[in-house]
Amino acid sequence: MESKDPMYDLLSSLEQIVFKDVPQTIALQQKSNPFTEYERLRKGTGMKTDDFARAMGVSVAMVQEWESRRVRPSMTELKLMSLIQATPTFSKQLTE
């Protein structure tokens, strides 16, 4: 029996809700290099580094590792970034 990550399942479900009206062709084009994807999503949030780290549930040092391209964000982290970028009210709730 395959064990699934509950956080991945949750984020996948939320992503389906948030992006339900986005055509699949756009979603497929966005799947690129994790670093490129990170940069696009990070810039799209408009958040300061410390606020972004808090919303992601990671340290500022981890965000700096992603930005320096020393550490690659996981697919789950990229999905959470997509949700944060797509729903500003969601990110505000995460940082409060």
PDB file of N, CA and C in Angstrom:
ATOM      1  N   MET A   1       0.833  -1.179   0.000  1.00  0.00           N
ATOM      2  CA  MET A   1       0.000   0.000   0.000  1.00  0.00           C
ATOM      3  C   MET A   1       0.884   1.250   0.000  1.00  0.00           C
ATOM      4  N   GLU A   2       0.591   2.181  -0.867  1.00  0.00           N
ATOM      5  CA  GLU A   2       1.379   3.391  -1.000  1.00  0.00           C
ATOM      6  C   GLU A   2       0.964   4.422   0.036  1.00  0.00           C
ATOM      7  N   SER A   3       1.962   4.984   0.718  1.00  0.00           N
ATOM      8  CA  SER A   3       1.702   6.010   1.713  1.00  0.00           C
ATOM      9  C   SER A   3       1.764   7.372   1.030  1.00  0.00           C
ATOM     10  N   LYS A   4       0.741   8.187   1.228  1.00  0.00           N
ATOM     11  CA  LYS A   4       0.696   9.509   0.612  1.00  0.00           C
ATOM     12  C   LYS A   4       0.921  10.574   1.676  1.00  0.00           C
ATOM     13  N   ASP A   5       1.539  11.644   1.243  1.00  0.00           N
ATOM     14  CA  ASP A   5       1.791  12.781   2.114  1.00  0.00           C
ATOM     15  C   ASP A   5       0.495  13.586   2.241  1.00  0.00           C
ATOM     16  N   PRO A   6      -0.079  13.700   3.446  1.00  0.00           N
ATOM     17  CA  PRO A   6      -1.347  14.429   3.590  1.00  0.00           C
ATOM     18  C   PRO A   6      -1.228  15.901   3.202  1.00  0.00           C
ATOM     19  N   MET A   7      -0.068  16.522   3.431  1.00  0.00           N
ATOM     20  CA  MET A   7       0.118  17.921   3.042  1.00  0.00           C
ATOM     21  C   MET A   7       0.073  18.056   1.521  1.00  0.00           C
ATOM     22  N   TYR A   8       0.674  17.129   0.813  1.00  0.00           N
ATOM     23  CA  TYR A   8       0.644  17.144  -0.655  1.00  0.00           C
ATOM     24  C   TYR A   8      -0.797  17.016  -1.147  1.00  0.00           C
ATOM     25  N   ASP A   9      -1.550  16.100  -0.553  1.00  0.00           N
ATOM     26  CA  ASP A   9      -2.956  15.926  -0.938  1.00  0.00           C
ATOM     27  C   ASP A   9      -3.761  17.190  -0.673  1.00  0.00           C
ATOM     28  N   LEU A  10      -3.537  17.819   0.475  1.00  0.00           N
ATOM     29  CA  LEU A  10      -4.240  19.050   0.812  1.00  0.00           C
ATOM     30  C   LEU A  10      -3.914  20.156  -0.187  1.00  0.00           C
ATOM     31  N   LEU A  11      -2.627  20.332  -0.459  1.00  0.00           N
ATOM     32  CA  LEU A  11      -2.222  21.381  -1.391  1.00  0.00           C
ATOM     33  C   LEU A  11      -2.732  21.105  -2.800  1.00  0.00           C
ATOM     34  N   SER A  12      -2.740  19.851  -3.209  1.00  0.00           N
ATOM     35  CA  SER A  12      -3.270  19.503  -4.528  1.00  0.00           C
ATOM     36  C   SER A  12      -4.749  19.843  -4.618  1.00  0.00           C
ATOM     37  N   SER A  13      -5.489  19.542  -3.568  1.00  0.00           N
ATOM     38  CA  SER A  13      -6.918  19.856  -3.549  1.00  0.00           C
ATOM     39  C   SER A  13      -7.150  21.359  -3.585  1.00  0.00           C
ATOM     40  N   LEU A  14      -6.378  22.107  -2.790  1.00  0.00           N
ATOM     41  CA  LEU A  14      -6.512  23.559  -2.790  1.00  0.00           C
ATOM     42  C   LEU A  14      -6.134  24.143  -4.149  1.00  0.00           C
ATOM     43  N   GLU A  15      -5.110  23.590  -4.753  1.00  0.00           N
ATOM     44  CA  GLU A  15      -4.685  24.068  -6.070  1.00  0.00           C
ATOM     45  C   GLU A  15      -5.797  23.848  -7.106  1.00  0.00           C
ATOM     46  N   GLN A  16      -6.467  22.723  -7.030  1.00  0.00           N
ATOM     47  CA  GLN A  16      -7.562  22.442  -7.957  1.00  0.00           C
ATOM     48  C   GLN A  16      -8.699  23.446  -7.766  1.00  0.00           C
ATOM     49  N   ILE A  17      -8.951  23.827  -6.530  1.00  0.00           N
ATOM     50  CA  ILE A  17     -10.011  24.795  -6.251  1.00  0.00           C
ATOM     51  C   ILE A  17      -9.611  26.177  -6.768  1.00  0.00           C
ATOM     52  N   VAL A  18      -8.395  26.606  -6.448  1.00  0.00           N
ATOM     53  CA  VAL A  18      -7.945  27.942  -6.821  1.00  0.00           C
ATOM     54  C   VAL A  18      -7.804  28.083  -8.331  1.00  0.00           C
ATOM     55  N   PHE A  19      -7.281  27.049  -8.991  1.00  0.00           N
ATOM     56  CA  PHE A  19      -6.992  27.136 -10.420  1.00  0.00           C
ATOM     57  C   PHE A  19      -8.009  26.400 -11.275  1.00  0.00           C
ATOM     58  N   LYS A  20      -9.229  26.226 -10.778  1.00  0.00           N
ATOM     59  CA  LYS A  20     -10.229  25.456 -11.514  1.00  0.00           C
ATOM     60  C   LYS A  20     -10.595  26.076 -12.856  1.00  0.00           C
ATOM     61  N   ASP A  21     -10.480  27.391 -12.994  1.00  0.00           N
ATOM     62  CA  ASP A  21     -10.844  28.055 -14.241  1.00  0.00           C
ATOM     63  C   ASP A  21      -9.658  28.281 -15.175  1.00  0.00           C
ATOM     64  N   VAL A  22      -8.455  27.862 -14.762  1.00  0.00           N
ATOM     65  CA  VAL A  22      -7.269  28.043 -15.594  1.00  0.00           C
ATOM     66  C   VAL A  22      -7.180  26.869 -16.567  1.00  0.00           C
ATOM     67  N   PRO A  23      -7.094  27.143 -17.854  1.00  0.00           N
ATOM     68  CA  PRO A  23      -6.981  26.050 -18.823  1.00  0.00           C
ATOM     69  C   PRO A  23      -5.748  25.194 -18.542  1.00  0.00           C
ATOM     70  N   GLN A  24      -5.863  23.903 -18.766  1.00  0.00           N
ATOM     71  CA  GLN A  24      -4.772  22.974 -18.494  1.00  0.00           C
ATOM     72  C   GLN A  24      -3.523  23.286 -19.316  1.00  0.00           C
ATOM     73  N   THR A  25      -3.673  23.835 -20.501  1.00  0.00           N
ATOM     74  CA  THR A  25      -2.499  24.149 -21.316  1.00  0.00           C
ATOM     75  C   THR A  25      -1.608  25.164 -20.620  1.00  0.00           C
ATOM     76  N   ILE A  26      -2.202  26.113 -19.919  1.00  0.00           N
ATOM     77  CA  ILE A  26      -1.408  27.096 -19.176  1.00  0.00           C
ATOM     78  C   ILE A  26      -0.705  26.417 -18.015  1.00  0.00           C
ATOM     79  N   ALA A  27      -1.413  25.564 -17.310  1.00  0.00           N
ATOM     80  CA  ALA A  27      -0.814  24.871 -16.169  1.00  0.00           C
ATOM     81  C   ALA A  27       0.366  24.022 -16.617  1.00  0.00           C
ATOM     82  N   LEU A  28       0.277  23.385 -17.774  1.00  0.00           N
ATOM     83  CA  LEU A  28       1.368  22.559 -18.260  1.00  0.00           C
ATOM     84  C   LEU A  28       2.572  23.406 -18.663  1.00  0.00           C
ATOM     85  N   GLN A  29       2.338  24.565 -19.232  1.00  0.00           N
ATOM     86  CA  GLN A  29       3.435  25.425 -19.637  1.00  0.00           C
ATOM     87  C   GLN A  29       4.186  25.971 -18.430  1.00  0.00           C
ATOM     88  N   GLN A  30       3.522  26.109 -17.306  1.00  0.00           N
ATOM     89  CA  GLN A  30       4.149  26.675 -16.128  1.00  0.00           C
ATOM     90  C   GLN A  30       5.069  25.690 -15.422  1.00  0.00           C
ATOM     91  N   LYS A  31       4.993  24.407 -15.739  1.00  0.00           N
ATOM     92  CA  LYS A  31       5.830  23.416 -15.082  1.00  0.00           C
ATOM     93  C   LYS A  31       7.214  23.460 -15.713  1.00  0.00           C
ATOM     94  N   SER A  32       8.097  24.192 -15.073  1.00  0.00           N
ATOM     95  CA  SER A  32       9.427  24.380 -15.598  1.00  0.00           C
ATOM     96  C   SER A  32      10.439  24.040 -14.521  1.00  0.00           C
ATOM     97  N   ASN A  33      11.601  24.544 -14.698  1.00  0.00           N
ATOM     98  CA  ASN A  33      12.660  24.390 -13.726  1.00  0.00           C
ATOM     99  C   ASN A  33      12.179  24.901 -12.364  1.00  0.00           C
ATOM    100  N   PRO A  34      12.411  24.149 -11.272  1.00  0.00           N
ATOM    101  CA  PRO A  34      11.932  24.586  -9.954  1.00  0.00           C
ATOM    102  C   PRO A  34      12.459  25.964  -9.545  1.00  0.00           C
ATOM    103  N   PHE A  35      13.686  26.295  -9.944  1.00  0.00           N
ATOM    104  CA  PHE A  35      14.233  27.604  -9.587  1.00  0.00           C
ATOM    105  C   PHE A  35      13.522  28.713 -10.354  1.00  0.00           C
ATOM    106  N   THR A  36      13.270  28.496 -11.639  1.00  0.00           N
ATOM    107  CA  THR A  36      12.552  29.473 -12.444  1.00  0.00           C
ATOM    108  C   THR A  36      11.140  29.652 -11.909  1.00  0.00           C
ATOM    109  N   GLU A  37      10.503  28.539 -11.582  1.00  0.00           N
ATOM    110  CA  GLU A  37       9.156  28.567 -11.023  1.00  0.00           C
ATOM    111  C   GLU A  37       9.152  29.325  -9.699  1.00  0.00           C
ATOM    112  N   TYR A  38      10.139  29.053  -8.860  1.00  0.00           N
ATOM    113  CA  TYR A  38      10.240  29.752  -7.569  1.00  0.00           C
ATOM    114  C   TYR A  38      10.348  31.255  -7.786  1.00  0.00           C
ATOM    115  N   GLU A  39      11.247  31.665  -8.688  1.00  0.00           N
ATOM    116  CA  GLU A  39      11.450  33.096  -8.919  1.00  0.00           C
ATOM    117  C   GLU A  39      10.166  33.765  -9.403  1.00  0.00           C
ATOM    118  N   ARG A  40       9.449  33.111 -10.297  1.00  0.00           N
ATOM    119  CA  ARG A  40       8.202  33.665 -10.820  1.00  0.00           C
ATOM    120  C   ARG A  40       7.170  33.803  -9.696  1.00  0.00           C
ATOM    121  N   LEU A  41       7.033  32.772  -8.900  1.00  0.00           N
ATOM    122  CA  LEU A  41       6.044  32.781  -7.826  1.00  0.00           C
ATOM    123  C   LEU A  41       6.424  33.778  -6.731  1.00  0.00           C
ATOM    124  N   ARG A  42       7.684  33.800  -6.370  1.00  0.00           N
ATOM    125  CA  ARG A  42       8.158  34.691  -5.304  1.00  0.00           C
ATOM    126  C   ARG A  42       7.930  36.148  -5.694  1.00  0.00           C
ATOM    127  N   LYS A  43       8.271  36.496  -6.932  1.00  0.00           N
ATOM    128  CA  LYS A  43       8.061  37.872  -7.393  1.00  0.00           C
ATOM    129  C   LYS A  43       6.574  38.201  -7.441  1.00  0.00           C
ATOM    130  N   GLY A  44       5.764  37.219  -7.775  1.00  0.00           N
ATOM    131  CA  GLY A  44       4.327  37.434  -7.890  1.00  0.00           C
ATOM    132  C   GLY A  44       3.638  37.702  -6.570  1.00  0.00           C
ATOM    133  N   THR A  45       4.244  37.299  -5.467  1.00  0.00           N
ATOM    134  CA  THR A  45       3.623  37.534  -4.167  1.00  0.00           C
ATOM    135  C   THR A  45       3.797  38.972  -3.718  1.00  0.00           C
ATOM    136  N   GLY A  46       4.908  39.601  -4.098  1.00  0.00           N
ATOM    137  CA  GLY A  46       5.185  40.960  -3.659  1.00  0.00           C
ATOM    138  C   GLY A  46       5.480  41.060  -2.174  1.00  0.00           C
ATOM    139  N   MET A  47       5.755  39.921  -1.542  1.00  0.00           N
ATOM    140  CA  MET A  47       5.994  39.906  -0.098  1.00  0.00           C
ATOM    141  C   MET A  47       7.469  40.114   0.219  1.00  0.00           C
ATOM    142  N   LYS A  48       7.732  40.656   1.402  1.00  0.00           N
ATOM    143  CA  LYS A  48       9.098  40.749   1.897  1.00  0.00           C
ATOM    144  C   LYS A  48       9.575  39.342   2.235  1.00  0.00           C
ATOM    145  N   THR A  49      10.882  39.161   2.269  1.00  0.00           N
ATOM    146  CA  THR A  49      11.464  37.840   2.504  1.00  0.00           C
ATOM    147  C   THR A  49      10.975  37.217   3.806  1.00  0.00           C
ATOM    148  N   ASP A  50      10.958  37.987   4.888  1.00  0.00           N
ATOM    149  CA  ASP A  50      10.550  37.425   6.177  1.00  0.00           C
ATOM    150  C   ASP A  50       9.064  37.065   6.191  1.00  0.00           C
ATOM    151  N   ASP A  51       8.228  37.893   5.542  1.00  0.00           N
ATOM    152  CA  ASP A  51       6.798  37.573   5.460  1.00  0.00           C
ATOM    153  C   ASP A  51       6.572  36.342   4.598  1.00  0.00           C
ATOM    154  N   PHE A  52       7.321  36.260   3.507  1.00  0.00           N
ATOM    155  CA  PHE A  52       7.195  35.099   2.625  1.00  0.00           C
ATOM    156  C   PHE A  52       7.614  33.824   3.359  1.00  0.00           C
ATOM    157  N   ALA A  53       8.709  33.893   4.093  1.00  0.00           N
ATOM    158  CA  ALA A  53       9.180  32.732   4.857  1.00  0.00           C
ATOM    159  C   ALA A  53       8.130  32.306   5.882  1.00  0.00           C
ATOM    160  N   ARG A  54       7.537  33.268   6.569  1.00  0.00           N
ATOM    161  CA  ARG A  54       6.510  32.972   7.573  1.00  0.00           C
ATOM    162  C   ARG A  54       5.296  32.317   6.916  1.00  0.00           C
ATOM    163  N   ALA A  55       4.875  32.853   5.757  1.00  0.00           N
ATOM    164  CA  ALA A  55       3.720  32.285   5.056  1.00  0.00           C
ATOM    165  C   ALA A  55       4.002  30.861   4.587  1.00  0.00           C
ATOM    166  N   MET A  56       5.247  30.601   4.203  1.00  0.00           N
ATOM    167  CA  MET A  56       5.636  29.272   3.735  1.00  0.00           C
ATOM    168  C   MET A  56       5.886  28.305   4.889  1.00  0.00           C
ATOM    169  N   GLY A  57       6.077  28.842   6.086  1.00  0.00           N
ATOM    170  CA  GLY A  57       6.373  27.976   7.227  1.00  0.00           C
ATOM    171  C   GLY A  57       7.813  27.500   7.236  1.00  0.00           C
ATOM    172  N   VAL A  58       8.705  28.317   6.671  1.00  0.00           N
ATOM    173  CA  VAL A  58      10.127  27.974   6.639  1.00  0.00           C
ATOM    174  C   VAL A  58      10.923  29.143   7.201  1.00  0.00           C
ATOM    175  N   SER A  59      12.205  28.921   7.391  1.00  0.00           N
ATOM    176  CA  SER A  59      13.071  29.987   7.906  1.00  0.00           C
ATOM    177  C   SER A  59      13.456  30.949   6.787  1.00  0.00           C
ATOM    178  N   VAL A  60      13.873  32.129   7.196  1.00  0.00           N
ATOM    179  CA  VAL A  60      14.374  33.113   6.234  1.00  0.00           C
ATOM    180  C   VAL A  60      15.602  32.527   5.534  1.00  0.00           C
ATOM    181  N   ALA A  61      16.404  31.775   6.279  1.00  0.00           N
ATOM    182  CA  ALA A  61      17.594  31.142   5.696  1.00  0.00           C
ATOM    183  C   ALA A  61      17.208  30.199   4.547  1.00  0.00           C
ATOM    184  N   MET A  62      16.091  29.485   4.690  1.00  0.00           N
ATOM    185  CA  MET A  62      15.657  28.582   3.622  1.00  0.00           C
ATOM    186  C   MET A  62      15.257  29.367   2.383  1.00  0.00           C
ATOM    187  N   VAL A  63      14.551  30.478   2.573  1.00  0.00           N
ATOM    188  CA  VAL A  63      14.178  31.325   1.435  1.00  0.00           C
ATOM    189  C   VAL A  63      15.447  31.834   0.749  1.00  0.00           C
ATOM    190  N   GLN A  64      16.441  32.209   1.529  1.00  0.00           N
ATOM    191  CA  GLN A  64      17.708  32.667   0.962  1.00  0.00           C
ATOM    192  C   GLN A  64      18.415  31.543   0.204  1.00  0.00           C
ATOM    193  N   GLU A  65      18.292  30.319   0.684  1.00  0.00           N
ATOM    194  CA  GLU A  65      18.865  29.169  -0.025  1.00  0.00           C
ATOM    195  C   GLU A  65      18.183  28.978  -1.374  1.00  0.00           C
ATOM    196  N   TRP A  66      16.861  29.115  -1.409  1.00  0.00           N
ATOM    197  CA  TRP A  66      16.128  29.007  -2.681  1.00  0.00           C
ATOM    198  C   TRP A  66      16.568  30.113  -3.623  1.00  0.00           C
ATOM    199  N   GLU A  67      16.688  31.339  -3.093  1.00  0.00           N
ATOM    200  CA  GLU A  67      17.036  32.482  -3.937  1.00  0.00           C
ATOM    201  C   GLU A  67      18.456  32.394  -4.470  1.00  0.00           C
ATOM    202  N   SER A  68      19.334  31.765  -3.733  1.00  0.00           N
ATOM    203  CA  SER A  68      20.719  31.608  -4.181  1.00  0.00           C
ATOM    204  C   SER A  68      20.892  30.369  -5.075  1.00  0.00           C
ATOM    205  N   ARG A  69      19.809  29.604  -5.217  1.00  0.00           N
ATOM    206  CA  ARG A  69      19.779  28.381  -6.043  1.00  0.00           C
ATOM    207  C   ARG A  69      20.666  27.271  -5.482  1.00  0.00           C
ATOM    208  N   ARG A  70      20.902  27.301  -4.175  1.00  0.00           N
ATOM    209  CA  ARG A  70      21.659  26.210  -3.545  1.00  0.00           C
ATOM    210  C   ARG A  70      20.745  25.058  -3.155  1.00  0.00           C
ATOM    211  N   VAL A  71      19.489  25.390  -2.851  1.00  0.00           N
ATOM    212  CA  VAL A  71      18.508  24.374  -2.471  1.00  0.00           C
ATOM    213  C   VAL A  71      17.301  24.523  -3.388  1.00  0.00           C
ATOM    214  N   ARG A  72      16.827  23.404  -3.899  1.00  0.00           N
ATOM    215  CA  ARG A  72      15.677  23.400  -4.808  1.00  0.00           C
ATOM    216  C   ARG A  72      14.393  23.228  -3.995  1.00  0.00           C
ATOM    217  N   PRO A  73      13.398  24.103  -4.207  1.00  0.00           N
ATOM    218  CA  PRO A  73      12.127  23.907  -3.500  1.00  0.00           C
ATOM    219  C   PRO A  73      11.422  22.643  -3.996  1.00  0.00           C
ATOM    220  N   SER A  74      10.746  21.963  -3.090  1.00  0.00           N
ATOM    221  CA  SER A  74      10.023  20.741  -3.456  1.00  0.00           C
ATOM    222  C   SER A  74       8.760  21.102  -4.233  1.00  0.00           C
ATOM    223  N   MET A  75       8.161  20.116  -4.855  1.00  0.00           N
ATOM    224  CA  MET A  75       6.911  20.332  -5.591  1.00  0.00           C
ATOM    225  C   MET A  75       5.809  20.808  -4.640  1.00  0.00           C
ATOM    226  N   THR A  76       5.773  20.282  -3.438  1.00  0.00           N
ATOM    227  CA  THR A  76       4.776  20.696  -2.452  1.00  0.00           C
ATOM    228  C   THR A  76       4.982  22.166  -2.084  1.00  0.00           C
ATOM    229  N   GLU A  77       6.234  22.557  -1.893  1.00  0.00           N
ATOM    230  CA  GLU A  77       6.522  23.958  -1.576  1.00  0.00           C
ATOM    231  C   GLU A  77       6.130  24.874  -2.742  1.00  0.00           C
ATOM    232  N   LEU A  78       6.388  24.434  -3.963  1.00  0.00           N
ATOM    233  CA  LEU A  78       6.000  25.222  -5.133  1.00  0.00           C
ATOM    234  C   LEU A  78       4.480  25.354  -5.229  1.00  0.00           C
ATOM    235  N   LYS A  79       3.759  24.303  -4.870  1.00  0.00           N
ATOM    236  CA  LYS A  79       2.300  24.364  -4.897  1.00  0.00           C
ATOM    237  C   LYS A  79       1.796  25.359  -3.852  1.00  0.00           C
ATOM    238  N   LEU A  80       2.386  25.338  -2.665  1.00  0.00           N
ATOM    239  CA  LEU A  80       1.991  26.301  -1.639  1.00  0.00           C
ATOM    240  C   LEU A  80       2.293  27.724  -2.095  1.00  0.00           C
ATOM    241  N   MET A  81       3.438  27.919  -2.754  1.00  0.00           N
ATOM    242  CA  MET A  81       3.769  29.241  -3.295  1.00  0.00           C
ATOM    243  C   MET A  81       2.729  29.686  -4.313  1.00  0.00           C
ATOM    244  N   SER A  82       2.265  28.757  -5.136  1.00  0.00           N
ATOM    245  CA  SER A  82       1.225  29.080  -6.128  1.00  0.00           C
ATOM    246  C   SER A  82      -0.043  29.549  -5.448  1.00  0.00           C
ATOM    247  N   LEU A  83      -0.411  28.876  -4.366  1.00  0.00           N
ATOM    248  CA  LEU A  83      -1.614  29.261  -3.621  1.00  0.00           C
ATOM    249  C   LEU A  83      -1.445  30.628  -2.968  1.00  0.00           C
ATOM    250  N   ILE A  84      -0.276  30.878  -2.415  1.00  0.00           N
ATOM    251  CA  ILE A  84      -0.006  32.161  -1.778  1.00  0.00           C
ATOM    252  C   ILE A  84      -0.077  33.282  -2.810  1.00  0.00           C
ATOM    253  N   GLN A  85       0.503  33.052  -3.979  1.00  0.00           N
ATOM    254  CA  GLN A  85       0.485  34.064  -5.027  1.00  0.00           C
ATOM    255  C   GLN A  85      -0.929  34.302  -5.553  1.00  0.00           C
ATOM    256  N   ALA A  86      -1.695  33.239  -5.710  1.00  0.00           N
ATOM    257  CA  ALA A  86      -3.031  33.344  -6.311  1.00  0.00           C
ATOM    258  C   ALA A  86      -4.066  33.949  -5.372  1.00  0.00           C
ATOM    259  N   THR A  87      -3.852  33.806  -4.071  1.00  0.00           N
ATOM    260  CA  THR A  87      -4.849  34.286  -3.119  1.00  0.00           C
ATOM    261  C   THR A  87      -4.186  35.142  -2.042  1.00  0.00           C
ATOM    262  N   PRO A  88      -4.077  36.444  -2.275  1.00  0.00           N
ATOM    263  CA  PRO A  88      -3.423  37.328  -1.305  1.00  0.00           C
ATOM    264  C   PRO A  88      -4.038  37.270   0.093  1.00  0.00           C
ATOM    265  N   THR A  89      -5.341  37.076   0.178  1.00  0.00           N
ATOM    266  CA  THR A  89      -5.952  37.002   1.519  1.00  0.00           C
ATOM    267  C   THR A  89      -5.479  35.765   2.261  1.00  0.00           C
ATOM    268  N   PHE A  90      -5.224  34.687   1.539  1.00  0.00           N
ATOM    269  CA  PHE A  90      -4.702  33.457   2.138  1.00  0.00           C
ATOM    270  C   PHE A  90      -3.319  33.727   2.741  1.00  0.00           C
ATOM    271  N   SER A  91      -2.461  34.426   1.995  1.00  0.00           N
ATOM    272  CA  SER A  91      -1.118  34.695   2.496  1.00  0.00           C
ATOM    273  C   SER A  91      -1.141  35.638   3.708  1.00  0.00           C
ATOM    274  N   LYS A  92      -2.074  36.582   3.725  1.00  0.00           N
ATOM    275  CA  LYS A  92      -2.193  37.472   4.885  1.00  0.00           C
ATOM    276  C   LYS A  92      -2.570  36.683   6.135  1.00  0.00           C
ATOM    277  N   GLN A  93      -3.448  35.693   5.971  1.00  0.00           N
ATOM    278  CA  GLN A  93      -3.863  34.856   7.107  1.00  0.00           C
ATOM    279  C   GLN A  93      -2.668  34.037   7.601  1.00  0.00           C
ATOM    280  N   LEU A  94      -1.818  33.579   6.696  1.00  0.00           N
ATOM    281  CA  LEU A  94      -0.680  32.766   7.081  1.00  0.00           C
ATOM    282  C   LEU A  94       0.365  33.555   7.845  1.00  0.00           C
ATOM    283  N   THR A  95       0.482  34.859   7.562  1.00  0.00           N
ATOM    284  CA  THR A  95       1.517  35.661   8.209  1.00  0.00           C
ATOM    285  C   THR A  95       1.057  36.308   9.498  1.00  0.00           C
ATOM    286  N   GLU A  96      -0.227  36.230   9.812  1.00  0.00           N
ATOM    287  CA  GLU A  96      -0.728  36.858  11.045  1.00  0.00           C
ATOM    288  C   GLU A  96      -0.535  35.964  12.236  1.00  0.00           C
TER     289      GLU A  96
END
